[in-house]
Amino acid sequence: MALKCGIVGLPNVGKSTLFNCLSNAKAQSANYPFCTIEPNVGTISVPDVRLENLEKLVNPQRVLPTTMEIVDIAGLVKGASKGEGLGNQFLANIRETDAIIHVLRCFDDDNIIHVDAKIDPVADKEIIDIELQLKDLETIEKKISGLSRVIKSGDKDAVKEHALAIKAHEALEAGLSVRTIELEESELEVMKSFQLITAKPVMYLCNVDEASVKNGNAYVDAVREAVKDEEAEVLIIGAKIEADITELEEYEERQMFMEELGLEESGVTRLIRSAYALLKLETYFTAGEKEVRAWTIKKGMTAPQAAGVIHTDFEKGFIRAEVMKYNDFIEFGSEPAVKEAGKFRVEGKEYVVEDGDIMHFRFNV
């Protein structure tokens, strides 16, 4: 699955520090705007305790987790929609992502400058929202103009597209992002074809200081209040703390450090899982002596489509899928035991794969 989450925000909110923690890539991090110019792309492993449990039971030669891509995009500034700063480049890069991780500065530090010389994460959010909405307005107005000419010929599909484009235009004119519009299932794909930035799903990441990493602070509360109608997740993370955690080489050291902070797991681990869900991705497993592996699928994929993630021949020649539920496999301990318990299933082409399924495909090419 070549799906990407883009990390966005104003300059100096902690995007590149966070990206380094996520990918161990060395995105330059410095105390001035536009430090990140070219987008940094990191392929990161998705943590999944189920994979570890399968490894213990199967004892394979190797274990392969599923992965996803995170893109660190240059900081946006006011006027980006008109090309200010690195606006055009930023907007082109963000358009290529599938979901947005919006980093907001929720900490005070006189040593790190803020582009507007004040800490106000809600105002920061609004700056980016407005710039993205203005760019989408420009895009949708061109689309409406083009469709207006086509519908004169009586094209029914164009009429439907035009009505949907008008709906998007009205929302943007009202200062709303396109993702806030309630759409029918049939309208979602059409809206996606418009390639509007504010139609992408978003998650807000509040970058806090050490004292606020567990319970948040007043800045985080303000963000939650501001986005309460967006159905968007708000995560708290301390990018500086996460950087400190990644510096520790030993697993036990990292665990002790997190325990001292009252954390059960790192913020990066929570972020990766949330980003995976934001992209509407799920995982199925293959498990054998040679390899235990996690595979990424889009939610709602059928068995042949899931097989195609391994190899296109698997989808073309699909015959059936042999399926075990993860919980059943863990409970009974082996494939023969699952079969004996009557929990082993054979599924056909219509089967919709569920998160955590352990699968083996039969195919003929």
Protein backbone atom coordinates (compact mmCIF):
# COMPACT_ATOMS: atom_id res chain seq x y z
CA MET A 1 0.00 0.00 0.00
CA ALA A 2 1.77 3.15 -1.14
CA LEU A 3 -0.25 5.46 1.11
CA LYS A 4 1.38 8.43 2.81
CA CYS A 5 0.71 10.63 5.82
CA GLY A 6 2.08 14.15 5.50
CA ILE A 7 3.36 15.98 8.61
CA VAL A 8 2.39 19.65 8.31
CA GLY A 9 2.45 22.74 10.49
CA LEU A 10 3.92 26.21 10.80
CA PRO A 11 7.72 26.51 10.93
CA ASN A 12 9.38 25.60 14.25
CA VAL A 13 6.57 23.52 15.74
CA GLY A 14 8.64 20.31 15.94
CA LYS A 15 7.81 18.57 12.66
CA SER A 16 11.33 17.55 11.69
CA THR A 17 12.25 16.47 15.23
CA LEU A 18 9.17 14.29 15.22
CA PHE A 19 9.95 12.92 11.77
CA ASN A 20 13.45 11.95 12.92
CA CYS A 21 11.94 10.03 15.82
CA LEU A 22 9.51 8.26 13.49
CA SER A 23 11.90 7.20 10.80
CA ASN A 24 15.41 7.60 12.23
CA ALA A 25 16.07 9.56 9.06
CA LYS A 26 18.20 12.63 9.66
CA ALA A 27 15.92 15.44 8.57
CA GLN A 28 17.78 18.63 9.39
CA SER A 29 16.34 20.31 12.46
CA ALA A 30 17.22 23.90 13.27
CA ASN A 31 15.81 26.99 14.88
CA TYR A 32 14.73 28.91 11.81
CA PRO A 33 11.92 28.71 9.21
CA PHE A 34 12.26 26.68 6.00
CA CYS A 35 14.91 24.39 7.44
CA THR A 36 13.02 21.60 5.66
CA ILE A 37 12.82 22.46 1.96
CA GLU A 38 12.58 19.16 0.11
CA PRO A 39 10.06 16.82 1.70
CA ASN A 40 11.70 14.01 3.66
CA VAL A 41 10.07 10.61 3.16
CA GLY A 42 10.46 7.87 5.75
CA THR A 43 9.24 4.29 5.54
CA ILE A 44 8.44 3.18 9.08
CA SER A 45 7.45 -0.12 10.64
CA VAL A 46 4.01 -0.27 12.24
CA PRO A 47 4.28 -1.66 15.81
CA ASP A 48 1.91 -4.58 16.38
CA VAL A 49 2.02 -6.78 19.47
CA ARG A 50 0.10 -9.46 17.54
CA LEU A 51 3.15 -10.00 15.34
CA GLU A 52 5.31 -10.58 18.41
CA ASN A 53 2.81 -13.11 19.79
CA LEU A 54 2.68 -14.98 16.48
CA GLU A 55 6.48 -15.11 16.42
CA LYS A 56 6.52 -16.81 19.84
CA LEU A 57 4.07 -19.47 18.70
CA VAL A 58 5.37 -20.16 15.19
CA ASN A 59 9.12 -19.55 15.76
CA PRO A 60 9.75 -18.56 12.11
CA GLN A 61 13.08 -17.87 10.39
CA ARG A 62 12.15 -14.21 10.00
CA VAL A 63 9.46 -11.71 10.96
CA LEU A 64 8.36 -8.82 8.73
CA PRO A 65 6.13 -6.03 10.05
CA THR A 66 3.91 -3.93 7.85
CA THR A 67 5.09 -0.44 6.91
CA MET A 68 3.76 2.98 6.00
CA GLU A 69 5.24 6.19 4.64
CA ILE A 70 5.50 9.49 6.53
CA VAL A 71 6.40 12.69 4.69
CA ASP A 72 7.88 15.71 6.48
CA ILE A 73 6.74 18.77 4.52
CA ALA A 74 8.21 22.29 4.65
CA GLY A 75 6.57 24.66 7.16
CA LEU A 76 3.70 26.66 5.73
CA VAL A 77 3.30 30.41 6.31
CA LYS A 78 0.51 32.93 5.85
CA GLY A 79 0.07 33.67 2.13
CA ALA A 80 1.15 30.20 1.01
CA SER A 81 -1.93 29.86 -1.21
CA LYS A 82 -0.58 32.83 -3.17
CA GLY A 83 2.95 31.42 -3.30
CA GLU A 84 4.40 33.15 -0.21
CA GLY A 85 7.42 31.45 1.37
CA LEU A 86 7.58 27.93 -0.01
CA GLY A 87 3.83 27.94 -0.50
CA ASN A 88 3.56 26.46 -3.98
CA GLN A 89 5.99 23.66 -3.14
CA PHE A 90 4.27 22.94 0.18
CA LEU A 91 0.86 22.71 -1.45
CA ALA A 92 2.12 20.45 -4.23
CA ASN A 93 3.75 18.12 -1.69
CA ILE A 94 0.73 17.93 0.60
CA ARG A 95 -1.56 17.20 -2.35
CA GLU A 96 0.39 13.99 -2.95
CA THR A 97 -0.34 12.63 0.56
CA ASP A 98 -3.41 10.65 1.60
CA ALA A 99 -3.86 12.00 5.14
CA ILE A 100 -2.53 14.86 7.23
CA ILE A 101 -0.80 14.90 10.62
CA HIS A 102 -1.13 18.54 11.69
CA VAL A 103 1.51 19.40 14.32
CA LEU A 104 0.64 22.25 16.69
CA ARG A 105 3.05 23.91 19.10
CA CYS A 106 1.60 23.60 22.60
CA PHE A 107 4.63 24.55 24.69
CA ASP A 108 6.44 27.71 25.81
CA ASP A 109 10.16 28.08 25.13
CA ASP A 110 11.80 31.47 24.68
CA ASN A 111 14.76 29.80 22.96
CA ILE A 112 12.64 28.58 20.04
CA ILE A 113 11.21 31.39 17.96
CA HIS A 114 7.62 31.41 16.73
CA VAL A 115 6.91 32.93 13.33
CA ASP A 116 4.16 35.11 14.83
CA ALA A 117 6.07 35.76 18.10
CA LYS A 118 3.27 34.24 20.26
CA ILE A 119 2.13 30.77 21.24
CA ASP A 120 -1.45 30.16 20.10
CA PRO A 121 -2.01 26.70 18.59
CA VAL A 122 -5.62 27.46 17.62
CA ALA A 123 -4.55 30.53 15.66
CA ASP A 124 -1.74 28.47 14.09
CA LYS A 125 -4.27 25.84 13.04
CA GLU A 126 -6.50 28.51 11.51
CA ILE A 127 -3.61 29.95 9.47
CA ILE A 128 -3.00 26.61 7.81
CA ASP A 129 -6.73 25.86 7.46
CA ILE A 130 -7.31 29.17 5.69
CA GLU A 131 -4.38 28.74 3.33
CA LEU A 132 -5.48 25.22 2.37
CA GLN A 133 -9.10 26.33 1.97
CA LEU A 134 -8.06 29.23 -0.27
CA LYS A 135 -6.07 26.87 -2.46
CA ASP A 136 -9.02 24.46 -2.63
CA LEU A 137 -11.33 27.34 -3.57
CA GLU A 138 -9.06 28.12 -6.49
CA THR A 139 -9.07 24.44 -7.53
CA ILE A 140 -12.83 23.94 -7.22
CA GLU A 141 -13.66 27.15 -9.07
CA LYS A 142 -11.67 25.88 -12.05
CA LYS A 143 -13.48 22.56 -11.77
CA ILE A 144 -16.92 24.23 -11.68
CA SER A 145 -16.02 26.34 -14.70
CA GLY A 146 -14.99 23.25 -16.66
CA LEU A 147 -18.07 21.25 -15.63
CA SER A 148 -20.39 24.14 -16.52
CA ARG A 149 -19.36 23.79 -20.14
CA VAL A 150 -19.79 19.99 -20.13
CA ILE A 151 -23.27 19.90 -18.56
CA LYS A 152 -24.64 21.93 -21.45
CA SER A 153 -24.29 18.78 -23.51
CA GLY A 154 -26.60 16.94 -21.09
CA ASP A 155 -23.91 14.73 -19.53
CA LYS A 156 -25.65 13.25 -16.44
CA ASP A 157 -22.39 12.38 -14.65
CA ALA A 158 -21.15 15.91 -15.14
CA VAL A 159 -24.40 17.25 -13.64
CA LYS A 160 -23.82 15.17 -10.48
CA GLU A 161 -20.18 16.24 -10.30
CA HIS A 162 -21.18 19.87 -10.74
CA ALA A 163 -23.67 19.67 -7.86
CA LEU A 164 -21.02 18.13 -5.62
CA ALA A 165 -18.46 20.75 -6.65
CA ILE A 166 -20.95 23.49 -5.75
CA LYS A 167 -21.42 21.85 -2.34
CA ALA A 168 -17.65 21.88 -1.79
CA HIS A 169 -17.45 25.50 -2.93
CA GLU A 170 -20.16 26.57 -0.48
CA ALA A 171 -18.37 24.89 2.43
CA LEU A 172 -15.05 26.48 1.54
CA GLU A 173 -16.67 29.90 1.14
CA ALA A 174 -18.05 29.47 4.68
CA GLY A 175 -14.54 28.77 6.00
CA LEU A 176 -15.08 25.02 6.36
CA SER A 177 -12.79 22.24 5.20
CA VAL A 178 -14.27 19.83 2.65
CA ARG A 179 -13.84 16.85 5.02
CA THR A 180 -16.57 18.35 7.25
CA ILE A 181 -19.21 17.86 4.53
CA GLU A 182 -21.51 14.87 5.05
CA LEU A 183 -21.37 12.76 1.91
CA GLU A 184 -23.05 9.64 0.61
CA GLU A 185 -20.81 6.67 -0.13
CA SER A 186 -21.29 7.22 -3.87
CA GLU A 187 -20.16 10.85 -3.53
CA LEU A 188 -16.90 10.09 -1.72
CA GLU A 189 -15.04 8.81 -4.78
CA VAL A 190 -16.24 11.73 -6.90
CA MET A 191 -15.09 14.19 -4.25
CA LYS A 192 -11.75 12.40 -4.07
CA SER A 193 -11.31 12.90 -7.81
CA PHE A 194 -11.39 16.68 -7.26
CA GLN A 195 -8.05 16.36 -5.41
CA LEU A 196 -8.94 18.86 -2.73
CA ILE A 197 -6.43 19.18 0.09
CA THR A 198 -9.01 19.88 2.82
CA ALA A 199 -10.90 16.70 1.89
CA LYS A 200 -8.04 14.62 3.31
CA PRO A 201 -8.52 13.11 6.78
CA VAL A 202 -6.57 14.90 9.51
CA MET A 203 -5.18 14.21 12.96
CA TYR A 204 -3.99 16.97 15.29
CA LEU A 205 -0.73 16.38 17.13
CA CYS A 206 -0.12 18.63 20.12
CA ASN A 207 3.62 18.97 20.74
CA VAL A 208 4.03 19.64 24.48
CA ASP A 209 6.77 20.02 27.09
CA GLU A 210 7.78 17.24 29.48
CA ALA A 211 5.44 18.35 32.28
CA SER A 212 2.41 18.13 29.96
CA VAL A 213 3.17 14.92 28.11
CA LYS A 214 0.81 12.76 30.16
CA ASN A 215 -2.24 14.97 30.75
CA GLY A 216 -1.82 17.90 28.37
CA ASN A 217 -2.16 21.58 29.25
CA ALA A 218 -4.29 24.65 28.55
CA TYR A 219 -3.03 24.84 24.95
CA VAL A 220 -4.14 21.24 24.33
CA ASP A 221 -7.54 21.95 25.90
CA ALA A 222 -7.96 24.90 23.54
CA VAL A 223 -7.13 22.70 20.52
CA ARG A 224 -9.63 20.04 21.61
CA GLU A 225 -12.35 22.66 21.95
CA ALA A 226 -11.51 24.15 18.54
CA VAL A 227 -11.72 20.81 16.69
CA LYS A 228 -14.57 19.17 18.61
CA ASP A 229 -16.87 19.23 15.56
CA GLU A 230 -14.30 17.79 13.13
CA GLU A 231 -14.35 14.17 14.35
CA ALA A 232 -10.54 14.35 14.28
CA GLU A 233 -8.25 12.65 16.78
CA VAL A 234 -6.11 14.87 19.02
CA LEU A 235 -2.87 13.24 20.19
CA ILE A 236 -0.43 14.59 22.79
CA ILE A 237 3.27 14.05 22.18
CA GLY A 238 6.51 15.56 23.41
CA ALA A 239 8.79 15.63 20.36
CA LYS A 240 11.84 16.51 22.48
CA ILE A 241 11.10 13.63 24.86
CA GLU A 242 10.63 11.25 21.93
CA ALA A 243 14.02 12.39 20.61
CA ASP A 244 15.54 11.57 24.01
CA ILE A 245 13.90 8.12 23.96
CA THR A 246 15.36 7.30 20.54
CA GLU A 247 18.83 8.20 21.83
CA LEU A 248 18.63 5.33 24.35
CA GLU A 249 19.95 2.15 22.76
CA GLU A 250 18.71 -0.43 25.27
CA TYR A 251 15.04 -1.44 25.39
CA GLU A 252 15.14 -1.57 29.21
CA GLU A 253 16.51 1.98 29.38
CA ARG A 254 13.70 3.26 27.18
CA GLN A 255 11.10 1.49 29.33
CA MET A 256 12.54 2.94 32.55
CA PHE A 257 12.61 6.43 31.04
CA MET A 258 8.95 6.17 30.00
CA GLU A 259 7.94 4.79 33.40
CA GLU A 260 9.53 7.80 35.08
CA LEU A 261 7.31 10.00 32.92
CA GLY A 262 4.24 7.87 33.68
CA LEU A 263 3.96 6.63 30.08
CA GLU A 264 3.02 3.06 29.16
CA GLU A 265 4.42 3.41 25.64
CA SER A 266 6.14 6.04 23.52
CA GLY A 267 4.17 8.77 21.81
CA VAL A 268 5.70 7.70 18.50
CA THR A 269 4.19 4.21 18.86
CA ARG A 270 0.75 5.71 19.50
CA LEU A 271 1.19 8.12 16.60
CA ILE A 272 2.12 5.40 14.09
CA ARG A 273 -0.90 3.30 15.04
CA SER A 274 -3.21 6.33 14.83
CA ALA A 275 -1.77 7.34 11.45
CA TYR A 276 -2.33 3.79 10.17
CA ALA A 277 -5.98 4.01 11.26
CA LEU A 278 -6.29 7.51 9.80
CA LEU A 279 -5.36 6.07 6.40
CA LYS A 280 -8.11 3.43 6.91
CA LEU A 281 -5.57 0.64 6.75
CA GLU A 282 -5.82 -2.80 8.33
CA THR A 283 -3.49 -5.75 8.74
CA TYR A 284 -3.72 -9.43 7.94
CA PHE A 285 -1.02 -12.01 8.62
CA THR A 286 0.63 -14.96 6.92
CA ALA A 287 2.33 -17.36 9.31
CA GLY A 288 4.65 -20.26 8.54
CA GLU A 289 8.02 -21.71 9.55
CA LYS A 290 9.89 -19.59 7.01
CA GLU A 291 8.15 -16.32 7.71
CA VAL A 292 5.58 -14.56 9.85
CA ARG A 293 4.53 -11.41 8.06
CA ALA A 294 2.05 -8.57 8.41
CA TRP A 295 0.39 -7.27 5.22
CA THR A 296 -1.30 -3.92 4.76
CA ILE A 297 -4.74 -3.69 3.16
CA LYS A 298 -7.35 -0.99 2.79
CA LYS A 299 -10.35 -1.48 5.03
CA GLY A 300 -13.09 -3.35 3.17
CA MET A 301 -10.84 -5.28 0.78
CA THR A 302 -12.06 -8.69 -0.38
CA ALA A 303 -9.96 -11.86 -0.14
CA PRO A 304 -8.77 -11.70 -3.81
CA GLN A 305 -7.76 -8.05 -3.38
CA ALA A 306 -5.86 -8.90 -0.19
CA ALA A 307 -4.14 -11.75 -2.02
CA GLY A 308 -3.11 -9.27 -4.72
CA VAL A 309 -1.13 -7.32 -2.13
CA ILE A 310 1.26 -10.29 -1.98
CA HIS A 311 1.37 -10.75 -5.77
CA THR A 312 -0.94 -9.82 -8.63
CA ASP A 313 -0.98 -13.48 -9.73
CA PHE A 314 -2.60 -14.40 -6.42
CA GLU A 315 -5.51 -12.10 -7.22
CA LYS A 316 -5.84 -13.13 -10.87
CA GLY A 317 -5.85 -16.85 -10.12
CA PHE A 318 -7.62 -16.72 -6.77
CA ILE A 319 -9.46 -19.93 -5.84
CA ARG A 320 -10.09 -19.63 -2.11
CA ALA A 321 -8.71 -18.27 1.15
CA GLU A 322 -8.07 -20.38 4.24
CA VAL A 323 -8.71 -18.17 7.27
CA MET A 324 -8.02 -18.32 10.98
CA LYS A 325 -8.86 -15.55 13.43
CA TYR A 326 -5.88 -14.22 15.37
CA ASN A 327 -7.58 -14.74 18.74
CA ASP A 328 -8.41 -18.35 17.87
CA PHE A 329 -4.83 -19.06 16.81
CA ILE A 330 -3.48 -17.58 20.05
CA GLU A 331 -6.03 -19.50 22.12
CA PHE A 332 -5.48 -22.92 20.51
CA GLY A 333 -1.78 -22.50 19.71
CA SER A 334 -1.48 -24.05 16.25
CA GLU A 335 -3.27 -24.50 12.92
CA PRO A 336 -4.15 -28.18 13.59
CA ALA A 337 -5.64 -27.22 16.96
CA VAL A 338 -7.69 -24.44 15.33
CA LYS A 339 -9.00 -26.95 12.78
CA GLU A 340 -9.84 -29.45 15.51
CA ALA A 341 -11.80 -26.77 17.35
CA GLY A 342 -13.84 -26.10 14.20
CA LYS A 343 -12.55 -22.54 13.89
CA PHE A 344 -10.70 -22.97 10.57
CA ARG A 345 -12.64 -21.42 7.67
CA VAL A 346 -12.53 -21.57 3.89
CA GLU A 347 -13.71 -18.36 2.21
CA GLY A 348 -14.43 -17.38 -1.39
CA LYS A 349 -14.14 -14.30 -3.56
CA GLU A 350 -16.79 -12.29 -1.71
CA TYR A 351 -15.16 -12.58 1.71
CA VAL A 352 -14.22 -9.20 3.22
CA VAL A 353 -10.96 -9.55 5.10
CA GLU A 354 -11.02 -8.55 8.76
CA ASP A 355 -8.20 -6.90 10.68
CA GLY A 356 -6.04 -9.61 12.26
CA ASP A 357 -7.04 -12.48 9.96
CA ILE A 358 -4.35 -15.13 9.46
CA MET A 359 -4.63 -16.21 5.84
CA HIS A 360 -3.36 -18.70 3.31
CA PHE A 361 -4.36 -18.30 -0.33
CA ARG A 362 -5.00 -21.02 -2.92
CA PHE A 363 -4.60 -19.83 -6.49
CA ASN A 364 -4.04 -21.10 -10.00
CA VAL A 365 -2.43 -19.09 -12.80
